[in-house]
Amino acid sequence: EAVERNQAMMVEKMEQEHRVTEKKAEGYIKEIEQ
């Protein structure tokens, strides 16, 4: 229980970075598909 808050924070931060990576890749893909 002592580290549950850190666990949630870690997961959210990592997901945010992945979403940034994914969004950038999707933008590139959309531009190339055009």
PDB file of all heavy atoms in Angstrom:
ATOM      1  N   GLU A   1       0.813  -1.208   0.000  1.00  0.00           N
ATOM      2  CA  GLU A   1       0.000   0.000   0.000  1.00  0.00           C
ATOM      3  C   GLU A   1       0.850   1.264   0.000  1.00  0.00           C
ATOM      4  O   GLU A   1       0.451   2.305  -0.538  1.00  0.00           O
ATOM      5  CB  GLU A   1      -0.931   0.037   1.212  1.00  0.00           C
ATOM      6  CG  GLU A   1      -2.045  -0.966   1.188  1.00  0.00           C
ATOM      7  CD  GLU A   1      -1.606  -2.329   1.690  1.00  0.00           C
ATOM      8  OE1 GLU A   1      -0.419  -2.462   2.067  1.00  0.00           O
ATOM      9  OE2 GLU A   1      -2.422  -3.252   1.678  1.00  0.00           O
ATOM     10  N   ALA A   2       2.053   1.164   0.547  1.00  0.00           N
ATOM     11  CA  ALA A   2       2.879   2.359   0.696  1.00  0.00           C
ATOM     12  C   ALA A   2       3.350   2.923  -0.635  1.00  0.00           C
ATOM     13  O   ALA A   2       3.651   4.108  -0.747  1.00  0.00           O
ATOM     14  CB  ALA A   2       4.087   2.040   1.584  1.00  0.00           C
ATOM     15  N   VAL A   3       3.424   2.067  -1.626  1.00  0.00           N
ATOM     16  CA  VAL A   3       3.955   2.536  -2.905  1.00  0.00           C
ATOM     17  C   VAL A   3       2.894   2.540  -4.016  1.00  0.00           C
ATOM     18  O   VAL A   3       3.208   2.677  -5.196  1.00  0.00           O
ATOM     19  CB  VAL A   3       5.141   1.658  -3.345  1.00  0.00           C
ATOM     20  CG1 VAL A   3       6.305   1.788  -2.406  1.00  0.00           C
ATOM     21  CG2 VAL A   3       4.709   0.205  -3.500  1.00  0.00           C
ATOM     22  N   GLU A   4       1.586   2.332  -3.667  1.00  0.00           N
ATOM     23  CA  GLU A   4       0.537   2.302  -4.693  1.00  0.00           C
ATOM     24  C   GLU A   4       0.442   3.641  -5.442  1.00  0.00           C
ATOM     25  O   GLU A   4       0.210   3.674  -6.651  1.00  0.00           O
ATOM     26  CB  GLU A   4      -0.807   1.945  -4.047  1.00  0.00           C
ATOM     27  CG  GLU A   4      -0.906   0.481  -3.661  1.00  0.00           C
ATOM     28  CD  GLU A   4      -2.223   0.136  -3.023  1.00  0.00           C
ATOM     29  OE1 GLU A   4      -3.044   1.067  -2.807  1.00  0.00           O
ATOM     30  OE2 GLU A   4      -2.445  -1.045  -2.754  1.00  0.00           O
ATOM     31  N   ARG A   5       0.604   4.720  -4.718  1.00  0.00           N
ATOM     32  CA  ARG A   5       0.563   6.022  -5.386  1.00  0.00           C
ATOM     33  C   ARG A   5       1.686   6.158  -6.406  1.00  0.00           C
ATOM     34  O   ARG A   5       1.491   6.673  -7.508  1.00  0.00           O
ATOM     35  CB  ARG A   5       0.668   7.121  -4.333  1.00  0.00           C
ATOM     36  CG  ARG A   5       0.664   8.537  -4.941  1.00  0.00           C
ATOM     37  CD  ARG A   5       0.664   9.575  -3.847  1.00  0.00           C
ATOM     38  NE  ARG A   5       1.770   9.391  -2.937  1.00  0.00           N
ATOM     39  CZ  ARG A   5       2.992   9.863  -3.163  1.00  0.00           C
ATOM     40  NH1 ARG A   5       3.243  10.514  -4.265  1.00  0.00           N
ATOM     41  NH2 ARG A   5       3.954   9.662  -2.285  1.00  0.00           N
ATOM     42  N   ASN A   6       2.881   5.676  -6.069  1.00  0.00           N
ATOM     43  CA  ASN A   6       4.004   5.735  -6.996  1.00  0.00           C
ATOM     44  C   ASN A   6       3.769   4.842  -8.220  1.00  0.00           C
ATOM     45  O   ASN A   6       4.154   5.158  -9.347  1.00  0.00           O
ATOM     46  CB  ASN A   6       5.288   5.302  -6.282  1.00  0.00           C
ATOM     47  CG  ASN A   6       5.711   6.291  -5.215  1.00  0.00           C
ATOM     48  OD1 ASN A   6       6.323   7.294  -5.525  1.00  0.00           O
ATOM     49  ND2 ASN A   6       5.353   6.012  -3.966  1.00  0.00           N
ATOM     50  N   GLN A   7       3.107   3.706  -7.945  1.00  0.00           N
ATOM     51  CA  GLN A   7       2.798   2.809  -9.076  1.00  0.00           C
ATOM     52  C   GLN A   7       1.883   3.492 -10.095  1.00  0.00           C
ATOM     53  O   GLN A   7       2.130   3.453 -11.308  1.00  0.00           O
ATOM     54  CB  GLN A   7       2.137   1.543  -8.537  1.00  0.00           C
ATOM     55  CG  GLN A   7       1.633   0.605  -9.634  1.00  0.00           C
ATOM     56  CD  GLN A   7       0.919  -0.601  -9.054  1.00  0.00           C
ATOM     57  OE1 GLN A   7       1.355  -1.188  -8.067  1.00  0.00           O
ATOM     58  NE2 GLN A   7      -0.186  -0.956  -9.660  1.00  0.00           N
ATOM     59  N   ALA A   8       0.807   4.119  -9.618  1.00  0.00           N
ATOM     60  CA  ALA A   8      -0.133   4.779 -10.523  1.00  0.00           C
ATOM     61  C   ALA A   8       0.548   5.923 -11.285  1.00  0.00           C
ATOM     62  O   ALA A   8       0.335   6.117 -12.493  1.00  0.00           O
ATOM     63  CB  ALA A   8      -1.335   5.300  -9.740  1.00  0.00           C
ATOM     64  N   MET A   9       1.392   6.670 -10.528  1.00  0.00           N
ATOM     65  CA  MET A   9       2.088   7.788 -11.171  1.00  0.00           C
ATOM     66  C   MET A   9       3.028   7.298 -12.264  1.00  0.00           C
ATOM     67  O   MET A   9       3.091   7.854 -13.374  1.00  0.00           O
ATOM     68  CB  MET A   9       2.881   8.557 -10.117  1.00  0.00           C
ATOM     69  CG  MET A   9       3.718   9.701 -10.698  1.00  0.00           C
ATOM     70  SD  MET A   9       5.064  10.179  -9.602  1.00  0.00           S
ATOM     71  CE  MET A   9       6.124   8.756  -9.726  1.00  0.00           C
ATOM     72  N   MET A  10       3.739   6.241 -11.980  1.00  0.00           N
ATOM     73  CA  MET A  10       4.673   5.708 -12.963  1.00  0.00           C
ATOM     74  C   MET A  10       3.956   5.247 -14.239  1.00  0.00           C
ATOM     75  O   MET A  10       4.369   5.558 -15.365  1.00  0.00           O
ATOM     76  CB  MET A  10       5.447   4.544 -12.352  1.00  0.00           C
ATOM     77  CG  MET A  10       6.442   3.895 -13.311  1.00  0.00           C
ATOM     78  SD  MET A  10       6.892   2.237 -12.788  1.00  0.00           S
ATOM     79  CE  MET A  10       5.366   1.388 -13.040  1.00  0.00           C
ATOM     80  N   VAL A  11       2.863   4.509 -14.039  1.00  0.00           N
ATOM     81  CA  VAL A  11       2.117   4.003 -15.204  1.00  0.00           C
ATOM     82  C   VAL A  11       1.608   5.159 -16.057  1.00  0.00           C
ATOM     83  O   VAL A  11       1.706   5.151 -17.296  1.00  0.00           O
ATOM     84  CB  VAL A  11       0.957   3.112 -14.742  1.00  0.00           C
ATOM     85  CG1 VAL A  11       0.053   2.740 -15.928  1.00  0.00           C
ATOM     86  CG2 VAL A  11       1.488   1.846 -14.077  1.00  0.00           C
ATOM     87  N   GLU A  12       1.028   6.167 -15.440  1.00  0.00           N
ATOM     88  CA  GLU A  12       0.478   7.293 -16.183  1.00  0.00           C
ATOM     89  C   GLU A  12       1.552   8.045 -16.961  1.00  0.00           C
ATOM     90  O   GLU A  12       1.374   8.402 -18.135  1.00  0.00           O
ATOM     91  CB  GLU A  12      -0.252   8.241 -15.215  1.00  0.00           C
ATOM     92  CG  GLU A  12      -0.856   9.472 -15.880  1.00  0.00           C
ATOM     93  CD  GLU A  12      -1.863   9.114 -16.953  1.00  0.00           C
ATOM     94  OE1 GLU A  12      -2.449   8.014 -16.897  1.00  0.00           O
ATOM     95  OE2 GLU A  12      -2.062   9.943 -17.865  1.00  0.00           O
ATOM     96  N   LYS A  13       2.694   8.268 -16.310  1.00  0.00           N
ATOM     97  CA  LYS A  13       3.779   8.993 -16.995  1.00  0.00           C
ATOM     98  C   LYS A  13       4.289   8.221 -18.202  1.00  0.00           C
ATOM     99  O   LYS A  13       4.537   8.791 -19.280  1.00  0.00           O
ATOM    100  CB  LYS A  13       4.936   9.229 -16.019  1.00  0.00           C
ATOM    101  CG  LYS A  13       4.628  10.214 -14.904  1.00  0.00           C
ATOM    102  CD  LYS A  13       4.572  11.642 -15.418  1.00  0.00           C
ATOM    103  CE  LYS A  13       4.404  12.636 -14.286  1.00  0.00           C
ATOM    104  NZ  LYS A  13       4.324  14.024 -14.772  1.00  0.00           N
ATOM    105  N   MET A  14       4.467   6.917 -18.009  1.00  0.00           N
ATOM    106  CA  MET A  14       4.950   6.106 -19.132  1.00  0.00           C
ATOM    107  C   MET A  14       3.933   6.081 -20.276  1.00  0.00           C
ATOM    108  O   MET A  14       4.294   6.140 -21.454  1.00  0.00           O
ATOM    109  CB  MET A  14       5.253   4.683 -18.659  1.00  0.00           C
ATOM    110  CG  MET A  14       6.506   4.569 -17.809  1.00  0.00           C
ATOM    111  SD  MET A  14       6.877   2.852 -17.376  1.00  0.00           S
ATOM    112  CE  MET A  14       8.449   3.063 -16.535  1.00  0.00           C
ATOM    113  N   GLU A  15       2.649   5.957 -19.927  1.00  0.00           N
ATOM    114  CA  GLU A  15       1.617   5.959 -20.965  1.00  0.00           C
ATOM    115  C   GLU A  15       1.597   7.298 -21.709  1.00  0.00           C
ATOM    116  O   GLU A  15       1.395   7.349 -22.929  1.00  0.00           O
ATOM    117  CB  GLU A  15       0.239   5.679 -20.343  1.00  0.00           C
ATOM    118  CG  GLU A  15       0.035   4.257 -19.896  1.00  0.00           C
ATOM    119  CD  GLU A  15      -0.102   3.284 -21.054  1.00  0.00           C
ATOM    120  OE1 GLU A  15      -0.126   3.723 -22.222  1.00  0.00           O
ATOM    121  OE2 GLU A  15      -0.161   2.086 -20.806  1.00  0.00           O
ATOM    122  N   GLN A  16       1.823   8.365 -20.989  1.00  0.00           N
ATOM    123  CA  GLN A  16       1.860   9.678 -21.634  1.00  0.00           C
ATOM    124  C   GLN A  16       2.993   9.763 -22.654  1.00  0.00           C
ATOM    125  O   GLN A  16       2.815  10.258 -23.768  1.00  0.00           O
ATOM    126  CB  GLN A  16       2.012  10.783 -20.576  1.00  0.00           C
ATOM    127  CG  GLN A  16       0.745  11.068 -19.793  1.00  0.00           C
ATOM    128  CD  GLN A  16       0.958  12.146 -18.746  1.00  0.00           C
ATOM    129  OE1 GLN A  16       2.070  12.654 -18.566  1.00  0.00           O
ATOM    130  NE2 GLN A  16      -0.115  12.498 -18.037  1.00  0.00           N
ATOM    131  N   GLU A  17       4.160   9.272 -22.259  1.00  0.00           N
ATOM    132  CA  GLU A  17       5.274   9.307 -23.193  1.00  0.00           C
ATOM    133  C   GLU A  17       5.011   8.418 -24.417  1.00  0.00           C
ATOM    134  O   GLU A  17       5.353   8.768 -25.537  1.00  0.00           O
ATOM    135  CB  GLU A  17       6.568   8.872 -22.495  1.00  0.00           C
ATOM    136  CG  GLU A  17       7.094   9.914 -21.522  1.00  0.00           C
ATOM    137  CD  GLU A  17       8.557   9.689 -21.176  1.00  0.00           C
ATOM    138  OE1 GLU A  17       9.243   8.977 -21.940  1.00  0.00           O
ATOM    139  OE2 GLU A  17       8.992  10.205 -20.166  1.00  0.00           O
ATOM    140  N   HIS A  18       4.397   7.270 -24.157  1.00  0.00           N
ATOM    141  CA  HIS A  18       4.063   6.411 -25.302  1.00  0.00           C
ATOM    142  C   HIS A  18       3.049   7.088 -26.227  1.00  0.00           C
ATOM    143  O   HIS A  18       3.151   7.000 -27.450  1.00  0.00           O
ATOM    144  CB  HIS A  18       3.500   5.073 -24.822  1.00  0.00           C
ATOM    145  CG  HIS A  18       2.922   4.254 -25.939  1.00  0.00           C
ATOM    146  ND1 HIS A  18       3.700   3.666 -26.896  1.00  0.00           N
ATOM    147  CD2 HIS A  18       1.624   3.971 -26.260  1.00  0.00           C
ATOM    148  CE1 HIS A  18       2.923   3.041 -27.776  1.00  0.00           C
ATOM    149  NE2 HIS A  18       1.651   3.215 -27.408  1.00  0.00           N
ATOM    150  N   ARG A  19       2.036   7.751 -25.628  1.00  0.00           N
ATOM    151  CA  ARG A  19       1.038   8.430 -26.456  1.00  0.00           C
ATOM    152  C   ARG A  19       1.665   9.524 -27.311  1.00  0.00           C
ATOM    153  O   ARG A  19       1.258   9.745 -28.459  1.00  0.00           O
ATOM    154  CB  ARG A  19      -0.074   8.993 -25.563  1.00  0.00           C
ATOM    155  CG  ARG A  19      -1.034   7.935 -25.036  1.00  0.00           C
ATOM    156  CD  ARG A  19      -2.287   8.572 -24.470  1.00  0.00           C
ATOM    157  NE  ARG A  19      -2.025   9.315 -23.249  1.00  0.00           N
ATOM    158  CZ  ARG A  19      -2.074   8.802 -22.040  1.00  0.00           C
ATOM    159  NH1 ARG A  19      -2.369   7.509 -21.880  1.00  0.00           N
ATOM    160  NH2 ARG A  19      -1.849   9.542 -20.976  1.00  0.00           N
ATOM    161  N   VAL A  20       2.662  10.209 -26.728  1.00  0.00           N
ATOM    162  CA  VAL A  20       3.376  11.229 -27.514  1.00  0.00           C
ATOM    163  C   VAL A  20       4.084  10.567 -28.697  1.00  0.00           C
ATOM    164  O   VAL A  20       4.037  11.050 -29.837  1.00  0.00           O
ATOM    165  CB  VAL A  20       4.386  11.993 -26.630  1.00  0.00           C
ATOM    166  CG1 VAL A  20       5.287  12.879 -27.498  1.00  0.00           C
ATOM    167  CG2 VAL A  20       3.645  12.849 -25.606  1.00  0.00           C
ATOM    168  N   THR A  21       4.761   9.443 -28.411  1.00  0.00           N
ATOM    169  CA  THR A  21       5.453   8.709 -29.477  1.00  0.00           C
ATOM    170  C   THR A  21       4.465   8.214 -30.529  1.00  0.00           C
ATOM    171  O   THR A  21       4.685   8.345 -31.741  1.00  0.00           O
ATOM    172  CB  THR A  21       6.206   7.500 -28.893  1.00  0.00           C
ATOM    173  OG1 THR A  21       7.163   7.974 -27.924  1.00  0.00           O
ATOM    174  CG2 THR A  21       6.936   6.726 -29.990  1.00  0.00           C
ATOM    175  N   GLU A  22       3.344   7.653 -30.047  1.00  0.00           N
ATOM    176  CA  GLU A  22       2.341   7.119 -30.963  1.00  0.00           C
ATOM    177  C   GLU A  22       1.708   8.223 -31.806  1.00  0.00           C
ATOM    178  O   GLU A  22       1.498   8.076 -33.013  1.00  0.00           O
ATOM    179  CB  GLU A  22       1.272   6.389 -30.160  1.00  0.00           C
ATOM    180  CG  GLU A  22       0.275   5.620 -31.024  1.00  0.00           C
ATOM    181  CD  GLU A  22      -0.697   4.848 -30.166  1.00  0.00           C
ATOM    182  OE1 GLU A  22      -1.237   5.430 -29.197  1.00  0.00           O
ATOM    183  OE2 GLU A  22      -0.904   3.656 -30.443  1.00  0.00           O
ATOM    184  N   LYS A  23       1.412   9.338 -31.166  1.00  0.00           N
ATOM    185  CA  LYS A  23       0.796  10.463 -31.888  1.00  0.00           C
ATOM    186  C   LYS A  23       1.726  11.000 -32.969  1.00  0.00           C
ATOM    187  O   LYS A  23       1.297  11.319 -34.081  1.00  0.00           O
ATOM    188  CB  LYS A  23       0.423  11.571 -30.895  1.00  0.00           C
ATOM    189  CG  LYS A  23      -0.344  12.721 -31.536  1.00  0.00           C
ATOM    190  CD  LYS A  23      -0.766  13.729 -30.483  1.00  0.00           C
ATOM    191  CE  LYS A  23      -1.548  14.880 -31.127  1.00  0.00           C
ATOM    192  NZ  LYS A  23      -1.974  15.877 -30.106  1.00  0.00           N
ATOM    193  N   LYS A  24       3.014  11.074 -32.612  1.00  0.00           N
ATOM    194  CA  LYS A  24       3.975  11.566 -33.604  1.00  0.00           C
ATOM    195  C   LYS A  24       4.060  10.603 -34.787  1.00  0.00           C
ATOM    196  O   LYS A  24       4.060  11.014 -35.950  1.00  0.00           O
ATOM    197  CB  LYS A  24       5.349  11.723 -32.948  1.00  0.00           C
ATOM    198  CG  LYS A  24       6.409  12.290 -33.895  1.00  0.00           C
ATOM    199  CD  LYS A  24       7.742  12.507 -33.172  1.00  0.00           C
ATOM    200  CE  LYS A  24       7.608  13.639 -32.169  1.00  0.00           C
ATOM    201  NZ  LYS A  24       8.918  13.982 -31.551  1.00  0.00           N
ATOM    202  N   ALA A  25       4.116   9.289 -34.502  1.00  0.00           N
ATOM    203  CA  ALA A  25       4.181   8.295 -35.580  1.00  0.00           C
ATOM    204  C   ALA A  25       2.925   8.342 -36.442  1.00  0.00           C
ATOM    205  O   ALA A  25       2.989   8.258 -37.670  1.00  0.00           O
ATOM    206  CB  ALA A  25       4.372   6.890 -34.993  1.00  0.00           C
ATOM    207  N   GLU A  26       1.754   8.474 -35.800  1.00  0.00           N
ATOM    208  CA  GLU A  26       0.496   8.541 -36.564  1.00  0.00           C
ATOM    209  C   GLU A  26       0.455   9.777 -37.452  1.00  0.00           C
ATOM    210  O   GLU A  26      -0.073   9.729 -38.571  1.00  0.00           O
ATOM    211  CB  GLU A  26      -0.690   8.541 -35.602  1.00  0.00           C
ATOM    212  CG  GLU A  26      -0.915   7.195 -34.942  1.00  0.00           C
ATOM    213  CD  GLU A  26      -2.015   7.246 -33.879  1.00  0.00           C
ATOM    214  OE1 GLU A  26      -2.459   8.375 -33.537  1.00  0.00           O
ATOM    215  OE2 GLU A  26      -2.411   6.180 -33.399  1.00  0.00           O
ATOM    216  N   GLY A  27       1.004  10.875 -36.939  1.00  0.00           N
ATOM    217  CA  GLY A  27       1.067  12.089 -37.770  1.00  0.00           C
ATOM    218  C   GLY A  27       1.935  11.879 -38.999  1.00  0.00           C
ATOM    219  O   GLY A  27       1.573  12.296 -40.112  1.00  0.00           O
ATOM    220  N   TYR A  28       3.100  11.213 -38.784  1.00  0.00           N
ATOM    221  CA  TYR A  28       3.976  10.918 -39.922  1.00  0.00           C
ATOM    222  C   TYR A  28       3.268   9.997 -40.925  1.00  0.00           C
ATOM    223  O   TYR A  28       3.348  10.202 -42.145  1.00  0.00           O
ATOM    224  CB  TYR A  28       5.263  10.239 -39.433  1.00  0.00           C
ATOM    225  CG  TYR A  28       6.218  11.157 -38.712  1.00  0.00           C
ATOM    226  CD1 TYR A  28       7.148  10.640 -37.804  1.00  0.00           C
ATOM    227  CD2 TYR A  28       6.214  12.526 -38.929  1.00  0.00           C
ATOM    228  CE1 TYR A  28       8.042  11.467 -37.130  1.00  0.00           C
ATOM    229  CE2 TYR A  28       7.096  13.363 -38.258  1.00  0.00           C
ATOM    230  CZ  TYR A  28       8.006  12.833 -37.360  1.00  0.00           C
ATOM    231  OH  TYR A  28       8.894  13.659 -36.723  1.00  0.00           O
ATOM    232  N   ILE A  29       2.609   8.971 -40.380  1.00  0.00           N
ATOM    233  CA  ILE A  29       1.929   8.008 -41.263  1.00  0.00           C
ATOM    234  C   ILE A  29       0.846   8.697 -42.080  1.00  0.00           C
ATOM    235  O   ILE A  29       0.701   8.467 -43.281  1.00  0.00           O
ATOM    236  CB  ILE A  29       1.337   6.860 -40.428  1.00  0.00           C
ATOM    237  CG1 ILE A  29       2.465   5.988 -39.862  1.00  0.00           C
ATOM    238  CG2 ILE A  29       0.394   5.999 -41.264  1.00  0.00           C
ATOM    239  CD1 ILE A  29       2.002   4.948 -38.866  1.00  0.00           C
ATOM    240  N   LYS A  30       0.059   9.537 -41.424  1.00  0.00           N
ATOM    241  CA  LYS A  30      -1.012  10.244 -42.139  1.00  0.00           C
ATOM    242  C   LYS A  30      -0.441  11.126 -43.246  1.00  0.00           C
ATOM    243  O   LYS A  30      -0.984  11.186 -44.357  1.00  0.00           O
ATOM    244  CB  LYS A  30      -1.815  11.089 -41.146  1.00  0.00           C
ATOM    245  CG  LYS A  30      -3.020  11.771 -41.770  1.00  0.00           C
ATOM    246  CD  LYS A  30      -3.821  12.508 -40.713  1.00  0.00           C
ATOM    247  CE  LYS A  30      -5.047  13.177 -41.336  1.00  0.00           C
ATOM    248  NZ  LYS A  30      -5.845  13.913 -40.313  1.00  0.00           N
ATOM    249  N   GLU A  31       0.674  11.797 -42.938  1.00  0.00           N
ATOM    250  CA  GLU A  31       1.285  12.677 -43.941  1.00  0.00           C
ATOM    251  C   GLU A  31       1.816  11.878 -45.140  1.00  0.00           C
ATOM    252  O   GLU A  31       1.644  12.257 -46.295  1.00  0.00           O
ATOM    253  CB  GLU A  31       2.428  13.462 -43.293  1.00  0.00           C
ATOM    254  CG  GLU A  31       2.995  14.576 -44.186  1.00  0.00           C
ATOM    255  CD  GLU A  31       4.019  15.408 -43.462  1.00  0.00           C
ATOM    256  OE1 GLU A  31       4.188  15.234 -42.223  1.00  0.00           O
ATOM    257  OE2 GLU A  31       4.668  16.230 -44.116  1.00  0.00           O
ATOM    258  N   ILE A  32       2.437  10.720 -44.838  1.00  0.00           N
ATOM    259  CA  ILE A  32       2.975   9.891 -45.926  1.00  0.00           C
ATOM    260  C   ILE A  32       1.842   9.282 -46.739  1.00  0.00           C
ATOM    261  O   ILE A  32       1.923   9.195 -47.967  1.00  0.00           O
ATOM    262  CB  ILE A  32       3.881   8.779 -45.350  1.00  0.00           C
ATOM    263  CG1 ILE A  32       5.161   9.391 -44.769  1.00  0.00           C
ATOM    264  CG2 ILE A  32       4.271   7.786 -46.436  1.00  0.00           C
ATOM    265  CD1 ILE A  32       6.122   8.395 -44.199  1.00  0.00           C
ATOM    266  N   GLU A  33       0.770   8.838 -46.050  1.00  0.00           N
ATOM    267  CA  GLU A  33      -0.361   8.270 -46.789  1.00  0.00           C
ATOM    268  C   GLU A  33      -0.978   9.286 -47.743  1.00  0.00           C
ATOM    269  O   GLU A  33      -1.415   8.941 -48.840  1.00  0.00           O
ATOM    270  CB  GLU A  33      -1.421   7.760 -45.805  1.00  0.00           C
ATOM    271  CG  GLU A  33      -1.009   6.479 -45.108  1.00  0.00           C
ATOM    272  CD  GLU A  33      -2.031   6.030 -44.074  1.00  0.00           C
ATOM    273  OE1 GLU A  33      -2.837   6.875 -43.623  1.00  0.00           O
ATOM    274  OE2 GLU A  33      -2.007   4.840 -43.703  1.00  0.00           O
ATOM    275  N   GLN A  34      -0.997  10.555 -47.315  1.00  0.00           N
ATOM    276  CA  GLN A  34      -1.501  11.606 -48.221  1.00  0.00           C
ATOM    277  C   GLN A  34      -0.579  11.760 -49.421  1.00  0.00           C
ATOM    278  O   GLN A  34      -1.039  11.933 -50.563  1.00  0.00           O
ATOM    279  CB  GLN A  34      -1.615  12.935 -47.462  1.00  0.00           C
ATOM    280  CG  GLN A  34      -2.154  14.079 -48.314  1.00  0.00           C
ATOM    281  CD  GLN A  34      -3.538  13.801 -48.855  1.00  0.00           C
ATOM    282  OE1 GLN A  34      -4.413  13.367 -48.127  1.00  0.00           O
ATOM    283  NE2 GLN A  34      -3.734  14.023 -50.151  1.00  0.00           N
TER     284      GLN A  34
END
